[in-house]
Amino acid sequence: MNDFIKYCQEIVRIPSISGQEKAVAELIQARMKSLGYDQAWIDEKGNVLGLIEGKGDRTIMLDGHMDTVGVGDTTAWTVDPFCGTMDKGRIYGRGTSDMKCALMAMVYGAADLIPQKEVLGGRVLVAGTVCEEEFEGVAQGHILDRFSPDLVIIGEASELTVKIGQRGRAEVVVETYGRSAHSSNPSAGINAVKKMTQLLSAIESMILSEDASLGAAIIEVTDIRSEPYPGTSVIPSYCRATLDRRTLPGETEETVLASIQKIINDLTAQDPEFSSKVYLAQAKQMCYTGDSIEAKRFFPAWRFEVETPFVQNALSALKAAGIPTGISFTAFAPMAAKAPDSEEFPLWGSAHPEKILPMWQMNLLRLINCKRHESGTGQLQPMPWPNFEYQNH
């Protein structure tokens, strides 16, 4: 256990913002090899993968991301964000709960199965993925495409509950077009910013759906800019705004865009000078390997039913191991956003951190419990291979 804690601290001490995860990947790969994984390697995107081969064709994937957001103003921290210091049962530093220590718990937890792999009814794949903070589960999707696992377990923070659903996210861009003129003679131009205020006002009035488990869908303006900028004495001819759209199960790229396109069509019918378009943002991120990740900014919502067999199996196993648990849902869109969209993988999230605190602290006892949970120590270890029957909604 001391070795496990040591490497939780070590991984926190390594900065790894999105696109700069190389040192963390190499540390995890080295740990996997030392612990006796059958294979441990780094793929073309920079994801680190470890495989434990059992006897069977089914695959369980344990997944966590290696990257973190930045640290912001370091003077606002009460500790060095990369200290990995342990104090009174807590580890401090950027990424302790989101989610380096959970990932290390999965690495060590899966390794506890190695002595029993001759009776293990399948194989266990542990993945540390890149660029999640920028691209949710896109890097994860490359692994899913290769291995097609029967079950995916995400180690994101859940206070040890089993998360069986989350809202999705779409990054929607709207543009309005006008005609430049000198601001001393505004009637000679068409002000694209004023057209944008009309559009945003109409969007703000949209009635969005709600879900009993996941809450309300959301649409919120996150940035806006116009051209020319600075627009000294010039009527702007172009304006662009980005909308953060949090979606619910059943909403698709097409339905999200169609609702805004209808508003554009209505405004165009009322005002011949109104010109606009809507589309999903497309982004690209360079990986530390020199490869890149590119995708539209749409990550669908998903939900499984509580009665689904693999959900009930997870709850029973956790309770049998003496771990307090329950069902919960995620209102934001973490890395799990990729899996249900690319293939209908059974998937849930369950990890250990307490509520996320400003300094990203972690309770050490919960971390140790998570390692036992991930490995199946005690009552979990001898249980049969899970039932993978499920319904995806």
Protein backbone atom coordinates (compact mmCIF):
# COMPACT_ATOMS: atom_id res chain seq x y z
CA MET A 1 0.00 0.00 0.00
CA ASN A 2 2.86 2.41 0.74
CA ASP A 3 4.13 1.85 -2.82
CA PHE A 4 0.69 2.68 -4.16
CA ILE A 5 0.47 5.91 -2.15
CA LYS A 6 4.00 6.84 -3.19
CA TYR A 7 3.08 6.69 -6.88
CA CYS A 8 -0.17 8.58 -6.34
CA GLN A 9 1.97 11.38 -4.97
CA GLU A 10 4.51 11.00 -7.77
CA ILE A 11 1.94 11.24 -10.54
CA VAL A 12 0.50 14.44 -9.03
CA ARG A 13 3.97 15.99 -9.02
CA ILE A 14 4.20 15.74 -12.81
CA PRO A 15 2.48 18.59 -14.70
CA SER A 16 0.32 17.19 -17.50
CA ILE A 17 -2.02 19.71 -19.07
CA SER A 18 -3.73 18.55 -22.25
CA GLY A 19 -1.21 17.68 -24.94
CA GLN A 20 1.67 17.41 -22.44
CA GLU A 21 1.01 14.03 -20.79
CA LYS A 22 4.17 12.21 -21.93
CA ALA A 23 5.93 11.98 -18.55
CA VAL A 24 2.78 10.74 -16.82
CA ALA A 25 2.19 8.14 -19.55
CA GLU A 26 5.75 6.87 -19.20
CA LEU A 27 5.42 6.64 -15.42
CA ILE A 28 2.20 4.62 -15.72
CA GLN A 29 3.68 2.36 -18.39
CA ALA A 30 6.67 1.66 -16.15
CA ARG A 31 4.38 0.87 -13.22
CA MET A 32 2.31 -1.52 -15.34
CA LYS A 33 5.44 -3.39 -16.44
CA SER A 34 6.76 -3.54 -12.89
CA LEU A 35 3.44 -4.83 -11.56
CA GLY A 36 3.40 -7.68 -14.08
CA TYR A 37 0.93 -6.65 -16.76
CA ASP A 38 1.08 -8.90 -19.83
CA GLN A 39 1.43 -5.86 -22.08
CA ALA A 40 2.00 -2.16 -21.45
CA TRP A 41 2.42 0.32 -24.28
CA ILE A 42 1.72 3.85 -25.49
CA ASP A 43 -0.35 4.27 -28.65
CA GLU A 44 -0.05 6.82 -31.45
CA LYS A 45 -2.25 9.37 -29.64
CA GLY A 46 -0.21 9.07 -26.45
CA ASN A 47 -2.73 6.98 -24.49
CA VAL A 48 -1.06 4.51 -22.15
CA LEU A 49 -2.54 1.00 -22.15
CA GLY A 50 -2.01 -2.03 -19.95
CA LEU A 51 -3.48 -5.46 -20.62
CA ILE A 52 -4.02 -8.42 -18.30
CA GLU A 53 -4.92 -11.55 -20.24
CA GLY A 54 -7.38 -13.96 -18.65
CA LYS A 55 -9.17 -16.98 -20.09
CA GLY A 56 -11.96 -15.72 -22.28
CA ASP A 57 -12.93 -13.33 -25.04
CA ARG A 58 -14.66 -10.62 -23.04
CA THR A 59 -12.93 -7.38 -22.10
CA ILE A 60 -13.44 -4.98 -19.21
CA MET A 61 -11.87 -1.56 -19.73
CA LEU A 62 -10.90 0.62 -16.76
CA ASP A 63 -10.44 4.15 -18.00
CA GLY A 64 -9.11 7.44 -16.65
CA HIS A 65 -7.54 10.52 -18.19
CA MET A 66 -4.00 11.70 -17.52
CA ASP A 67 -4.37 15.37 -18.39
CA THR A 68 -5.44 18.20 -16.12
CA VAL A 69 -6.51 21.78 -16.55
CA GLY A 70 -3.97 24.46 -15.77
CA VAL A 71 -3.28 25.77 -12.28
CA GLY A 72 -4.23 29.40 -12.89
CA ASP A 73 -2.83 31.93 -10.43
CA THR A 74 -0.40 29.90 -8.32
CA THR A 75 -0.42 32.60 -5.62
CA ALA A 76 -4.04 31.68 -4.90
CA TRP A 77 -2.99 28.15 -3.92
CA THR A 78 -2.20 27.34 -0.29
CA VAL A 79 0.25 24.66 -1.49
CA ASP A 80 2.42 24.10 -4.54
CA PRO A 81 -0.04 22.64 -7.09
CA PHE A 82 2.54 19.99 -7.98
CA CYS A 83 3.72 19.14 -4.48
CA GLY A 84 1.81 15.86 -4.05
CA THR A 85 2.12 16.44 -0.31
CA MET A 86 0.25 14.18 2.10
CA ASP A 87 -1.08 15.86 5.23
CA LYS A 88 -3.54 14.38 7.72
CA GLY A 89 -4.64 11.65 5.36
CA ARG A 90 -5.00 13.88 2.30
CA ILE A 91 -2.93 14.26 -0.85
CA TYR A 92 -2.77 17.79 -2.23
CA GLY A 93 -2.11 19.00 -5.75
CA ARG A 94 -3.57 19.50 -9.20
CA GLY A 95 -5.19 16.34 -10.51
CA THR A 96 -5.51 14.44 -7.22
CA SER A 97 -9.24 13.88 -7.69
CA ASP A 98 -9.52 14.71 -11.39
CA MET A 99 -8.23 12.15 -11.86
CA LYS A 100 -4.65 10.99 -11.51
CA CYS A 101 -5.04 9.11 -8.23
CA ALA A 102 -8.14 7.30 -9.45
CA LEU A 103 -6.18 6.23 -12.52
CA MET A 104 -3.32 4.97 -10.37
CA ALA A 105 -5.86 3.12 -8.22
CA MET A 106 -7.09 1.33 -11.34
CA VAL A 107 -3.53 0.48 -12.38
CA TYR A 108 -2.79 -1.07 -8.99
CA GLY A 109 -6.26 -2.52 -8.50
CA ALA A 110 -6.22 -4.41 -11.78
CA ALA A 111 -2.74 -5.71 -10.91
CA ASP A 112 -4.26 -7.49 -7.90
CA LEU A 113 -5.99 -9.79 -10.41
CA ILE A 114 -2.75 -10.92 -12.04
CA PRO A 115 -2.14 -13.88 -9.66
CA GLN A 116 -5.63 -15.14 -10.55
CA LYS A 117 -5.62 -14.50 -14.28
CA GLU A 118 -5.72 -18.25 -15.02
CA VAL A 119 -9.28 -18.28 -13.68
CA LEU A 120 -10.19 -14.78 -14.88
CA GLY A 121 -13.03 -15.07 -17.37
CA GLY A 122 -11.69 -12.46 -19.80
CA ARG A 123 -9.12 -9.72 -20.06
CA VAL A 124 -8.74 -6.40 -18.23
CA LEU A 125 -7.59 -3.33 -20.14
CA VAL A 126 -6.47 -0.29 -18.14
CA ALA A 127 -6.25 2.94 -20.13
CA GLY A 128 -4.83 6.35 -19.30
CA THR A 129 -6.08 8.72 -21.98
CA VAL A 130 -4.94 12.09 -23.28
CA CYS A 131 -6.63 15.42 -23.96
CA GLU A 132 -9.85 14.71 -22.05
CA GLU A 133 -10.04 18.19 -20.61
CA GLU A 134 -10.17 19.59 -24.14
CA PHE A 135 -11.91 16.76 -26.01
CA GLU A 136 -13.83 14.70 -23.46
CA GLY A 137 -13.72 11.07 -24.67
CA VAL A 138 -12.36 11.46 -28.21
CA ALA A 139 -8.97 9.87 -27.39
CA GLN A 140 -10.86 7.18 -25.50
CA GLY A 141 -12.83 6.51 -28.69
CA HIS A 142 -9.67 5.40 -30.50
CA ILE A 143 -9.18 2.71 -27.85
CA LEU A 144 -12.83 1.63 -28.04
CA ASP A 145 -12.56 1.30 -31.81
CA ARG A 146 -9.56 -0.99 -31.42
CA PHE A 147 -10.69 -3.23 -28.56
CA SER A 148 -14.53 -3.07 -28.55
CA PRO A 149 -14.71 -3.78 -24.80
CA ASP A 150 -17.79 -5.42 -23.33
CA LEU A 151 -17.79 -3.08 -20.36
CA VAL A 152 -16.22 0.32 -19.67
CA ILE A 153 -15.73 1.65 -16.14
CA ILE A 154 -14.82 5.33 -15.83
CA GLY A 155 -12.94 6.32 -12.68
CA GLU A 156 -14.18 9.93 -12.53
CA ALA A 157 -15.12 11.34 -9.12
CA SER A 158 -18.46 10.00 -7.89
CA GLU A 159 -18.07 9.72 -4.10
CA LEU A 160 -18.21 5.94 -4.68
CA THR A 161 -21.69 6.03 -6.17
CA VAL A 162 -22.34 4.30 -9.48
CA LYS A 163 -23.05 6.98 -12.06
CA ILE A 164 -25.35 5.66 -14.77
CA GLY A 165 -26.01 8.77 -16.84
CA GLN A 166 -24.82 12.23 -17.75
CA ARG A 167 -25.82 15.29 -19.69
CA GLY A 168 -24.09 15.77 -23.01
CA ARG A 169 -22.42 18.87 -24.41
CA ALA A 170 -22.49 20.67 -27.72
CA GLU A 171 -20.37 23.68 -28.61
CA VAL A 172 -22.59 25.61 -30.99
CA VAL A 173 -21.41 28.56 -33.08
CA VAL A 174 -23.75 31.21 -34.47
CA GLU A 175 -22.65 33.90 -36.91
CA THR A 176 -24.43 37.03 -38.12
CA TYR A 177 -23.50 39.10 -41.15
CA GLY A 178 -23.89 42.78 -41.89
CA ARG A 179 -22.37 45.55 -43.97
CA SER A 180 -19.62 47.91 -42.88
CA ALA A 181 -20.14 51.63 -42.86
CA HIS A 182 -18.81 54.61 -40.95
CA SER A 183 -20.45 54.82 -37.56
CA SER A 184 -21.34 58.46 -38.25
CA ASN A 185 -23.71 57.18 -40.93
CA PRO A 186 -25.11 53.90 -39.50
CA SER A 187 -28.03 53.73 -41.91
CA ALA A 188 -25.58 53.03 -44.71
CA GLY A 189 -24.53 49.80 -43.04
CA ILE A 190 -25.98 46.72 -41.37
CA ASN A 191 -24.75 46.20 -37.82
CA ALA A 192 -23.89 42.52 -37.34
CA VAL A 193 -23.66 42.95 -33.55
CA LYS A 194 -27.22 44.27 -33.37
CA LYS A 195 -28.36 41.31 -35.47
CA MET A 196 -26.56 39.03 -33.04
CA THR A 197 -28.35 40.59 -30.06
CA GLN A 198 -31.65 39.82 -31.78
CA LEU A 199 -30.60 36.23 -32.35
CA LEU A 200 -29.27 35.69 -28.83
CA SER A 201 -32.40 37.20 -27.32
CA ALA A 202 -34.54 34.74 -29.27
CA ILE A 203 -32.28 31.84 -28.31
CA GLU A 204 -32.51 32.88 -24.66
CA SER A 205 -36.29 32.49 -24.92
CA MET A 206 -36.09 28.89 -26.14
CA ILE A 207 -37.98 26.36 -24.05
CA LEU A 208 -35.64 23.45 -23.36
CA SER A 209 -36.54 20.01 -22.09
CA GLU A 210 -35.94 18.63 -18.59
CA ASP A 211 -35.08 15.20 -17.27
CA ALA A 212 -36.06 13.88 -13.84
CA SER A 213 -32.59 12.42 -13.26
CA LEU A 214 -30.26 14.74 -15.17
CA GLY A 215 -32.03 18.07 -14.71
CA ALA A 216 -32.67 20.71 -17.35
CA ALA A 217 -31.01 21.15 -20.70
CA ILE A 218 -28.99 24.36 -20.85
CA ILE A 219 -27.90 26.87 -23.47
CA GLU A 220 -25.51 29.65 -22.46
CA VAL A 221 -23.38 32.20 -24.34
CA THR A 222 -19.71 31.71 -23.49
CA ASP A 223 -17.96 34.13 -25.87
CA ILE A 224 -18.71 36.72 -28.53
CA ARG A 225 -16.58 38.74 -30.94
CA SER A 226 -17.08 41.05 -33.89
CA GLU A 227 -15.10 42.25 -36.89
CA PRO A 228 -13.44 44.55 -37.54
CA TYR A 229 -11.92 44.67 -34.07
CA PRO A 230 -11.20 47.15 -32.70
CA GLY A 231 -14.05 48.74 -34.57
CA THR A 232 -13.15 52.39 -34.21
CA SER A 233 -15.85 54.39 -36.04
CA VAL A 234 -16.79 51.31 -38.09
CA ILE A 235 -20.11 49.42 -38.15
CA PRO A 236 -19.23 45.74 -37.62
CA SER A 237 -19.91 43.52 -40.61
CA TYR A 238 -19.49 40.22 -38.78
CA CYS A 239 -20.28 38.80 -35.36
CA ARG A 240 -19.71 35.33 -33.92
CA ALA A 241 -20.91 33.85 -30.64
CA THR A 242 -20.24 30.48 -29.02
CA LEU A 243 -23.01 28.72 -27.11
CA ASP A 244 -22.50 25.99 -24.52
CA ARG A 245 -25.43 23.62 -24.97
CA ARG A 246 -25.92 20.92 -22.33
CA THR A 247 -28.05 18.17 -23.80
CA LEU A 248 -30.29 15.37 -22.54
CA PRO A 249 -30.70 11.78 -23.78
CA GLY A 250 -32.37 11.69 -27.17
CA GLU A 251 -30.98 15.02 -28.35
CA THR A 252 -28.75 14.75 -31.41
CA GLU A 253 -26.53 17.03 -33.46
CA GLU A 254 -29.42 17.47 -35.87
CA THR A 255 -32.04 18.37 -33.27
CA VAL A 256 -29.74 20.78 -31.43
CA LEU A 257 -28.92 22.68 -34.63
CA ALA A 258 -32.49 22.49 -35.99
CA SER A 259 -33.94 24.34 -33.00
CA ILE A 260 -31.60 27.29 -33.58
CA GLN A 261 -31.98 27.14 -37.35
CA LYS A 262 -35.75 27.58 -36.89
CA ILE A 263 -35.11 30.80 -34.97
CA ILE A 264 -32.79 32.00 -37.75
CA ASN A 265 -35.43 31.20 -40.36
CA ASP A 266 -38.09 33.10 -38.41
CA LEU A 267 -35.87 36.18 -38.00
CA THR A 268 -34.92 36.10 -41.68
CA ALA A 269 -38.60 36.01 -42.63
CA GLN A 270 -39.25 39.07 -40.45
CA ASP A 271 -36.18 41.04 -41.51
CA PRO A 272 -34.76 40.82 -45.06
CA GLU A 273 -31.46 42.25 -43.81
CA PHE A 274 -31.01 39.49 -41.25
CA SER A 275 -28.37 36.94 -42.30
CA SER A 276 -27.02 34.20 -40.06
CA LYS A 277 -25.87 30.59 -39.83
CA VAL A 278 -25.40 27.98 -37.11
CA TYR A 279 -23.00 25.02 -36.89
CA LEU A 280 -21.09 22.88 -34.45
CA ALA A 281 -17.57 23.96 -33.56
CA GLN A 282 -14.74 21.83 -34.92
CA ALA A 283 -11.47 21.71 -33.04
CA LYS A 284 -8.05 20.12 -33.28
CA GLN A 285 -5.55 19.28 -30.55
CA MET A 286 -1.96 18.22 -31.09
CA CYS A 287 -0.94 15.23 -28.98
CA TYR A 288 2.50 15.03 -27.42
CA THR A 289 3.33 12.19 -29.86
CA GLY A 290 2.98 14.53 -32.84
CA ASP A 291 -0.34 12.96 -33.83
CA SER A 292 -3.53 14.98 -33.46
CA ILE A 293 -7.10 14.68 -32.27
CA GLU A 294 -9.80 16.39 -34.28
CA ALA A 295 -13.55 16.28 -33.81
CA LYS A 296 -16.79 18.21 -33.82
CA ARG A 297 -17.69 19.53 -30.39
CA PHE A 298 -20.67 17.28 -29.79
CA PHE A 299 -20.74 14.73 -26.98
CA PRO A 300 -24.12 13.04 -26.51
CA ALA A 301 -26.00 12.55 -23.28
CA TRP A 302 -26.62 8.99 -22.09
CA ARG A 303 -28.40 7.07 -19.39
CA PHE A 304 -28.85 3.46 -18.31
CA GLU A 305 -31.77 2.16 -16.30
CA VAL A 306 -31.22 1.30 -12.63
CA GLU A 307 -32.62 -2.19 -13.25
CA THR A 308 -30.02 -2.96 -15.92
CA PRO A 309 -28.23 -6.18 -14.85
CA PHE A 310 -24.67 -4.83 -15.04
CA VAL A 311 -25.69 -1.82 -12.92
CA GLN A 312 -27.21 -4.07 -10.28
CA ASN A 313 -24.13 -6.33 -10.39
CA ALA A 314 -21.90 -3.32 -9.75
CA LEU A 315 -24.00 -2.17 -6.80
CA SER A 316 -24.07 -5.66 -5.30
CA ALA A 317 -20.32 -6.12 -5.66
CA LEU A 318 -19.52 -2.78 -4.05
CA LYS A 319 -21.86 -3.43 -1.15
CA ALA A 320 -20.45 -6.93 -0.68
CA ALA A 321 -17.00 -5.37 -0.37
CA GLY A 322 -18.28 -3.11 2.39
CA ILE A 323 -18.16 0.05 0.26
CA PRO A 324 -21.10 2.44 0.80
CA THR A 325 -22.61 3.22 -2.58
CA GLY A 326 -25.73 4.15 -4.50
CA ILE A 327 -26.92 5.46 -7.87
CA SER A 328 -26.16 8.96 -9.12
CA PHE A 329 -25.96 11.01 -12.32
CA THR A 330 -23.52 13.57 -13.73
CA ALA A 331 -24.77 17.00 -14.75
CA PHE A 332 -21.63 17.95 -16.68
CA ALA A 333 -19.93 16.04 -19.50
CA PRO A 334 -16.78 14.15 -18.50
CA MET A 335 -14.76 11.66 -20.56
CA ALA A 336 -17.61 9.13 -20.62
CA ALA A 337 -19.21 11.27 -23.31
CA LYS A 338 -17.60 9.26 -26.10
CA ALA A 339 -18.37 5.65 -25.29
CA PRO A 340 -22.15 5.38 -25.69
CA ASP A 341 -22.03 7.35 -28.92
CA SER A 342 -19.37 5.33 -30.71
CA GLU A 343 -20.66 1.91 -29.73
CA GLU A 344 -23.31 0.76 -27.28
CA PHE A 345 -20.87 -0.14 -24.54
CA PRO A 346 -22.22 -0.79 -21.06
CA LEU A 347 -20.56 1.94 -19.03
CA TRP A 348 -20.62 3.45 -15.59
CA GLY A 349 -18.52 5.71 -13.45
CA SER A 350 -17.51 5.07 -9.86
CA ALA A 351 -14.62 6.56 -7.94
CA HIS A 352 -13.62 7.79 -4.56
CA PRO A 353 -12.96 11.50 -4.08
CA GLU A 354 -14.92 13.62 -1.66
CA LYS A 355 -16.71 16.64 -3.09
CA ILE A 356 -14.20 18.53 -5.18
CA LEU A 357 -12.58 21.18 -3.03
CA PRO A 358 -10.73 24.29 -4.21
CA MET A 359 -7.32 22.72 -3.65
CA TRP A 360 -8.32 19.38 -5.17
CA GLN A 361 -7.70 17.37 -2.03
CA MET A 362 -8.34 13.69 -1.62
CA ASN A 363 -9.16 11.65 1.45
CA LEU A 364 -6.50 8.96 1.64
CA LEU A 365 -8.76 6.33 3.18
CA ARG A 366 -11.21 6.71 0.33
CA LEU A 367 -8.34 6.36 -2.13
CA ILE A 368 -7.32 3.07 -0.51
CA ASN A 369 -10.95 1.90 -0.57
CA CYS A 370 -11.07 2.78 -4.26
CA LYS A 371 -8.02 0.62 -4.93
CA ARG A 372 -9.76 -2.27 -3.20
CA HIS A 373 -12.88 -1.56 -5.21
CA GLU A 374 -11.02 -1.44 -8.52
CA SER A 375 -9.16 -4.67 -7.79
CA GLY A 376 -12.09 -6.55 -6.39
CA THR A 377 -10.30 -7.27 -3.11
CA GLY A 378 -12.23 -9.33 -0.59
CA GLN A 379 -15.74 -10.13 -1.76
CA LEU A 380 -15.26 -8.72 -5.24
CA GLN A 381 -12.37 -10.87 -6.36
CA PRO A 382 -14.01 -14.32 -6.45
CA MET A 383 -17.22 -13.08 -8.07
CA PRO A 384 -18.05 -14.45 -11.55
CA TRP A 385 -17.46 -12.42 -14.70
CA PRO A 386 -20.21 -9.79 -14.92
CA ASN A 387 -23.46 -10.17 -16.81
CA PHE A 388 -23.23 -7.76 -19.72
CA GLU A 389 -26.91 -7.63 -20.66
CA TYR A 390 -27.99 -4.00 -20.79
CA GLN A 391 -30.15 -1.36 -22.43
CA ASN A 392 -28.78 1.92 -23.66
CA HIS A 393 -31.06 4.98 -23.60
